[in-house]
Amino acid sequence: MAAVGSPGENVKTMKQKLRILCAFPTLVRVAALMLIGGVVSGWASPPKRPTPPGKGCSAWQDDFSLGLDSGRWVVASGQAPGYTAGSHIGYYQTDHVTVENGYLKILLTQEGSASKGYISRGGLVYTKAICGYGTYEWTMRMSSTSGSPGASGEWVSGSVSAGFLYVNNSQTEIDFEYSATTPEDVWTVNWLNTNPRRDPTGAMETATQVPLAEASATFHAYRFVWAPGLITFFIDDKRVATHTTDVPTAPAYFMINHWGTNGLGWGGTASPGKDRYFYVKSVSYTPLQ
């Protein structure tokens, strides 16, 4: 667990993190809509066999000023993570993903009751191309009740929002993730699943809990630099974590998602009738030089 960062930050293995937070067996790995090769009909997933690294993944940037570029992005539909029998089921819906005034906007709604169970409806977008080592950036305002990017809003229980990389059952996964269970923190996480035919275990994950009191109230610039054996995470140009364990190598898809939960663990209990919004102003990738 060789993860170091700003003074006093709390570094945990996934086993510790799950014990504290998670009612679900897999974190953002499942939040990537269970992308385990598309084994369940109806779950959107990237191609099972990605293009080899170094084949056409040059620097790019998207500020959504011209809408959602269909040449770059896929809008997912299908079942989302967080399923609990008799209690909760979630979906990714294409109509919950919009671009308004140059902001990517992902809506999360919840409906139902404790006696009948809850339904969450959120959204996920991911790139058609995979990229490898380099600098990845998101300018994001995490999940809140704000109906517009600059308006006031509050975090609401039952919500998870994230910008991350993912491929092949967490063969590579690197995340900035926000959970309503820890609303004054953002998690920096990376996974290295050395046997993608099996689900990853907590021993394959490194995570840092980063204090950020206004993650849902305003925009912040999230960036990580992924290099061989090293991932350095920054928020608003301040280094917040450096991870040297569980560093993946396989090129991966650039992803953005917003999904619902209902439990005492990760994301929290459902909040029916309270619409939540996740905003992304810009994203970019620069290959490692």
Protein backbone atom coordinates (compact mmCIF):
# COMPACT_ATOMS: atom_id res chain seq x y z
CA MET A 1 0.00 0.00 0.00
CA ALA A 2 2.59 2.55 -1.15
CA ALA A 3 0.28 5.52 -1.54
CA VAL A 4 1.39 8.93 -0.30
CA GLY A 5 -0.02 12.39 -0.77
CA SER A 6 -0.97 15.52 1.13
CA PRO A 7 -0.34 15.51 4.90
CA GLY A 8 -2.92 13.66 6.93
CA GLU A 9 -4.71 12.06 3.99
CA ASN A 10 -6.33 8.70 4.65
CA VAL A 11 -4.96 5.91 2.43
CA LYS A 12 -6.89 2.63 2.43
CA THR A 13 -6.88 -0.63 0.60
CA MET A 14 -10.22 -1.56 -0.94
CA LYS A 15 -10.78 -4.15 1.77
CA GLN A 16 -10.70 -1.39 4.39
CA LYS A 17 -12.77 0.93 2.24
CA LEU A 18 -15.44 -1.66 1.65
CA ARG A 19 -15.67 -2.39 5.35
CA ILE A 20 -16.37 1.27 6.05
CA LEU A 21 -18.47 2.30 3.07
CA CYS A 22 -19.72 -0.37 0.76
CA ALA A 23 -22.87 -2.38 0.73
CA PHE A 24 -21.97 -3.40 -2.83
CA PRO A 25 -19.20 -5.86 -3.65
CA THR A 26 -17.49 -3.73 -6.29
CA LEU A 27 -17.03 -0.01 -6.42
CA VAL A 28 -16.52 2.02 -9.57
CA ARG A 29 -15.61 -1.22 -11.32
CA VAL A 30 -19.33 -1.99 -11.16
CA ALA A 31 -20.09 1.68 -11.64
CA ALA A 32 -18.71 1.28 -15.11
CA LEU A 33 -22.03 -0.51 -15.75
CA MET A 34 -20.64 -3.96 -15.11
CA LEU A 35 -18.45 -3.80 -18.21
CA ILE A 36 -17.28 -7.41 -17.99
CA GLY A 37 -17.29 -8.07 -21.69
CA GLY A 38 -21.03 -7.46 -22.08
CA VAL A 39 -21.97 -10.88 -20.78
CA VAL A 40 -25.48 -9.80 -19.88
CA SER A 41 -27.76 -8.85 -22.75
CA GLY A 42 -28.87 -5.22 -22.68
CA TRP A 43 -25.89 -3.83 -20.74
CA ALA A 44 -23.99 -1.31 -22.86
CA SER A 45 -20.28 -2.01 -22.99
CA PRO A 46 -17.21 -1.05 -24.99
CA PRO A 47 -15.69 -3.57 -27.41
CA LYS A 48 -14.28 -6.65 -25.74
CA ARG A 49 -10.97 -6.42 -27.62
CA PRO A 50 -9.64 -2.85 -27.59
CA THR A 51 -7.33 -1.40 -30.21
CA PRO A 52 -3.66 -1.95 -29.29
CA PRO A 53 -1.95 0.99 -27.56
CA GLY A 54 -0.23 3.64 -29.65
CA LYS A 55 -2.63 3.27 -32.58
CA GLY A 56 -4.16 6.65 -33.16
CA CYS A 57 -4.72 7.90 -29.59
CA SER A 58 -3.38 11.42 -29.90
CA ALA A 59 -4.08 14.42 -27.67
CA TRP A 60 -7.67 15.60 -27.56
CA GLN A 61 -9.89 18.04 -25.69
CA ASP A 62 -13.66 18.50 -25.48
CA ASP A 63 -15.47 21.49 -23.96
CA PHE A 64 -18.92 20.36 -25.15
CA SER A 65 -19.45 23.73 -26.87
CA LEU A 66 -20.82 21.91 -29.93
CA GLY A 67 -22.83 19.34 -27.99
CA LEU A 68 -21.89 15.72 -27.44
CA ASP A 69 -19.59 14.58 -30.23
CA SER A 70 -20.99 11.29 -31.50
CA GLY A 71 -17.65 10.59 -33.15
CA ARG A 72 -15.98 10.49 -29.74
CA TRP A 73 -18.63 9.51 -27.18
CA VAL A 74 -21.06 6.64 -26.58
CA VAL A 75 -24.11 7.24 -24.37
CA ALA A 76 -24.83 4.03 -22.49
CA SER A 77 -28.17 2.41 -21.78
CA GLY A 78 -28.94 -0.59 -19.63
CA GLN A 79 -28.63 -1.71 -16.05
CA ALA A 80 -26.46 0.36 -13.72
CA PRO A 81 -24.68 -0.76 -10.56
CA GLY A 82 -26.13 -0.89 -7.08
CA TYR A 83 -28.62 -3.75 -7.49
CA THR A 84 -30.00 -5.17 -4.24
CA ALA A 85 -32.74 -7.79 -4.52
CA GLY A 86 -36.10 -6.42 -3.37
CA SER A 87 -34.56 -3.07 -2.42
CA HIS A 88 -32.98 -1.30 -5.40
CA ILE A 89 -32.26 -1.47 -9.11
CA GLY A 90 -30.59 1.16 -11.26
CA TYR A 91 -30.52 2.01 -14.95
CA TYR A 92 -28.47 4.14 -17.30
CA GLN A 93 -30.80 6.09 -19.62
CA THR A 94 -29.79 8.02 -22.71
CA ASP A 95 -32.40 10.71 -22.04
CA HIS A 96 -30.67 11.53 -18.73
CA VAL A 97 -27.57 12.70 -20.62
CA THR A 98 -27.72 16.14 -22.22
CA VAL A 99 -25.47 19.04 -23.15
CA GLU A 100 -26.76 22.49 -22.19
CA ASN A 101 -24.90 25.75 -22.76
CA GLY A 102 -21.57 23.99 -23.05
CA TYR A 103 -21.97 21.72 -20.02
CA LEU A 104 -22.40 17.97 -20.04
CA LYS A 105 -25.31 17.34 -17.66
CA ILE A 106 -26.21 13.92 -16.26
CA LEU A 107 -29.50 13.65 -14.36
CA LEU A 108 -30.12 11.15 -11.57
CA THR A 109 -33.64 10.44 -10.34
CA GLN A 110 -35.02 7.97 -7.81
CA GLU A 111 -38.52 6.66 -7.28
CA GLY A 112 -40.27 4.03 -5.18
CA SER A 113 -40.57 3.24 -1.50
CA ALA A 114 -38.92 1.18 1.21
CA SER A 115 -41.72 -1.39 1.06
CA LYS A 116 -41.70 -1.80 -2.73
CA GLY A 117 -38.07 -1.00 -3.50
CA TYR A 118 -36.40 1.90 -5.28
CA ILE A 119 -35.50 2.56 -8.92
CA SER A 120 -32.59 4.84 -9.86
CA ARG A 121 -32.18 6.34 -13.32
CA GLY A 122 -28.84 7.92 -14.17
CA GLY A 123 -26.40 8.14 -17.05
CA LEU A 124 -22.99 7.17 -18.38
CA VAL A 125 -20.88 8.30 -21.33
CA TYR A 126 -17.60 6.77 -22.46
CA THR A 127 -15.19 7.25 -25.34
CA LYS A 128 -15.12 5.05 -28.41
CA ALA A 129 -11.31 5.02 -28.31
CA ILE A 130 -8.97 3.81 -25.61
CA CYS A 131 -5.87 5.67 -24.51
CA GLY A 132 -2.82 4.77 -22.47
CA TYR A 133 -0.27 6.60 -20.34
CA GLY A 134 -0.71 10.34 -20.16
CA THR A 135 -2.55 13.20 -18.47
CA TYR A 136 -6.33 12.96 -18.03
CA GLU A 137 -8.42 15.94 -16.96
CA TRP A 138 -12.02 16.65 -16.00
CA THR A 139 -13.55 19.94 -14.85
CA MET A 140 -16.53 18.74 -12.82
CA ARG A 141 -19.16 19.72 -10.30
CA MET A 142 -20.13 16.56 -8.48
CA SER A 143 -23.68 15.37 -7.82
CA SER A 144 -26.05 17.92 -6.25
CA THR A 145 -29.61 19.22 -6.46
CA SER A 146 -28.54 22.24 -8.50
CA GLY A 147 -30.66 22.50 -11.65
CA SER A 148 -28.04 24.65 -13.42
CA PRO A 149 -24.23 24.72 -13.29
CA GLY A 150 -23.91 27.93 -11.29
CA ALA A 151 -26.91 27.63 -8.99
CA SER A 152 -26.84 26.56 -5.36
CA GLY A 153 -27.54 22.94 -4.54
CA GLU A 154 -26.91 20.26 -1.97
CA TRP A 155 -25.58 16.74 -1.99
CA VAL A 156 -28.25 14.08 -1.59
CA SER A 157 -27.96 10.57 -0.18
CA GLY A 158 -28.17 7.75 -2.70
CA SER A 159 -25.76 9.28 -5.26
CA VAL A 160 -22.40 8.49 -6.85
CA SER A 161 -20.68 10.58 -9.55
CA ALA A 162 -17.29 9.96 -11.14
CA GLY A 163 -14.77 10.68 -13.86
CA PHE A 164 -12.55 7.67 -14.51
CA LEU A 165 -10.79 5.24 -16.84
CA TYR A 166 -11.91 1.64 -17.21
CA VAL A 167 -11.35 -1.45 -19.34
CA ASN A 168 -11.80 -5.20 -19.18
CA ASN A 169 -13.09 -5.90 -15.67
CA SER A 170 -10.69 -3.42 -14.06
CA GLN A 171 -7.61 -4.64 -15.88
CA THR A 172 -7.18 -0.89 -15.84
CA GLU A 173 -9.25 1.43 -13.68
CA ILE A 174 -8.32 4.89 -12.39
CA ASP A 175 -10.95 7.07 -10.69
CA PHE A 176 -11.98 10.38 -9.25
CA GLU A 177 -15.15 9.39 -7.43
CA TYR A 178 -17.67 11.19 -5.21
CA SER A 179 -20.04 9.34 -2.90
CA ALA A 180 -22.84 10.92 -0.88
CA THR A 181 -21.72 8.68 1.98
CA THR A 182 -18.63 10.89 2.34
CA PRO A 183 -19.91 14.23 0.97
CA GLU A 184 -16.89 16.26 2.05
CA ASP A 185 -14.38 13.98 0.35
CA VAL A 186 -13.39 12.75 -3.09
CA TRP A 187 -11.78 9.34 -3.59
CA THR A 188 -8.77 8.78 -5.84
CA VAL A 189 -8.62 5.10 -6.75
CA ASN A 190 -6.79 2.73 -9.06
CA TRP A 191 -7.21 -0.97 -9.76
CA LEU A 192 -5.00 -3.54 -11.44
CA ASN A 193 -6.89 -6.77 -12.11
CA THR A 194 -4.16 -9.21 -13.07
CA ASN A 195 -6.68 -11.86 -14.12
CA PRO A 196 -9.58 -10.11 -15.89
CA ARG A 197 -11.45 -13.38 -16.31
CA ARG A 198 -12.18 -13.10 -12.59
CA ASP A 199 -13.54 -10.17 -10.63
CA PRO A 200 -10.84 -8.07 -8.94
CA THR A 201 -10.28 -8.33 -5.22
CA GLY A 202 -9.45 -5.71 -2.62
CA ALA A 203 -5.79 -6.69 -2.84
CA MET A 204 -5.75 -5.23 -6.38
CA GLU A 205 -6.78 -1.70 -5.38
CA THR A 206 -5.18 1.43 -3.94
CA ALA A 207 -7.33 4.35 -2.72
CA THR A 208 -6.90 7.72 -1.06
CA GLN A 209 -9.69 9.67 0.63
CA VAL A 210 -9.14 13.36 -0.18
CA PRO A 211 -10.93 16.11 1.78
CA LEU A 212 -12.86 18.45 -0.54
CA ALA A 213 -15.72 20.17 1.26
CA GLU A 214 -17.27 21.83 -1.82
CA ALA A 215 -17.09 19.04 -4.38
CA SER A 216 -20.85 19.21 -4.98
CA ALA A 217 -21.14 22.99 -4.63
CA THR A 218 -18.71 24.22 -7.26
CA PHE A 219 -16.48 23.15 -10.14
CA HIS A 220 -13.01 21.77 -9.54
CA ALA A 221 -10.27 20.72 -11.93
CA TYR A 222 -9.46 17.02 -11.52
CA ARG A 223 -6.32 15.67 -13.16
CA PHE A 224 -4.11 12.65 -12.94
CA VAL A 225 -0.87 11.77 -14.68
CA TRP A 226 -0.57 8.06 -15.42
CA ALA A 227 2.94 6.77 -16.06
CA PRO A 228 4.58 3.36 -15.75
CA GLY A 229 4.42 2.40 -12.07
CA LEU A 230 3.08 5.78 -10.97
CA ILE A 231 -0.20 7.74 -10.85
CA THR A 232 -0.17 11.30 -9.52
CA PHE A 233 -3.54 12.90 -8.71
CA PHE A 234 -4.23 16.65 -8.63
CA ILE A 235 -7.27 18.73 -7.69
CA ASP A 236 -7.16 22.41 -8.69
CA ASP A 237 -3.47 21.94 -9.57
CA LYS A 238 -2.61 20.75 -6.05
CA ARG A 239 -1.14 17.30 -5.71
CA VAL A 240 -3.44 15.27 -3.46
CA ALA A 241 -2.18 11.71 -3.87
CA THR A 242 0.58 9.67 -5.44
CA HIS A 243 -0.03 5.95 -5.97
CA THR A 244 2.72 3.47 -6.77
CA THR A 245 0.84 0.24 -6.09
CA ASP A 246 -1.77 -1.47 -8.30
CA VAL A 247 -0.77 0.77 -11.21
CA PRO A 248 -2.31 -0.65 -14.40
CA THR A 249 -0.78 -0.74 -17.87
CA ALA A 250 -3.59 -1.53 -20.36
CA PRO A 251 -5.11 1.36 -22.37
CA ALA A 252 -8.64 2.18 -21.22
CA TYR A 253 -11.85 4.08 -21.95
CA PHE A 254 -12.45 7.59 -20.63
CA MET A 255 -15.75 7.56 -18.68
CA ILE A 256 -18.17 9.86 -16.84
CA ASN A 257 -21.13 8.52 -14.85
CA HIS A 258 -23.86 9.33 -12.32
CA TRP A 259 -25.75 6.50 -10.63
CA GLY A 260 -27.99 5.79 -7.65
CA THR A 261 -27.79 3.60 -4.57
CA ASN A 262 -29.90 2.48 -1.66
CA GLY A 263 -28.01 1.18 1.33
CA LEU A 264 -26.05 2.12 4.39
CA GLY A 265 -22.78 1.74 2.47
CA TRP A 266 -21.36 3.33 -0.66
CA GLY A 267 -23.56 6.16 -1.99
CA GLY A 268 -26.08 5.96 0.86
CA THR A 269 -29.80 5.36 1.10
CA ALA A 270 -32.16 6.39 -1.70
CA SER A 271 -33.76 9.86 -1.76
CA PRO A 272 -36.86 9.51 -3.96
CA GLY A 273 -38.27 12.64 -5.51
CA LYS A 274 -35.00 14.60 -5.29
CA ASP A 275 -33.48 15.15 -8.71
CA ARG A 276 -29.68 15.37 -8.82
CA TYR A 277 -27.36 16.75 -11.48
CA PHE A 278 -23.72 16.11 -12.35
CA TYR A 279 -21.98 18.71 -14.52
CA VAL A 280 -18.81 18.45 -16.59
CA LYS A 281 -17.41 21.55 -18.24
CA SER A 282 -14.44 20.07 -20.09
CA VAL A 283 -12.28 16.98 -20.44
CA SER A 284 -8.95 16.29 -22.09
CA TYR A 285 -6.17 13.78 -22.70
CA THR A 286 -2.48 14.40 -23.41
CA PRO A 287 -0.19 11.44 -24.15
CA LEU A 288 2.81 10.89 -21.91
CA GLN A 289 5.91 12.44 -23.43
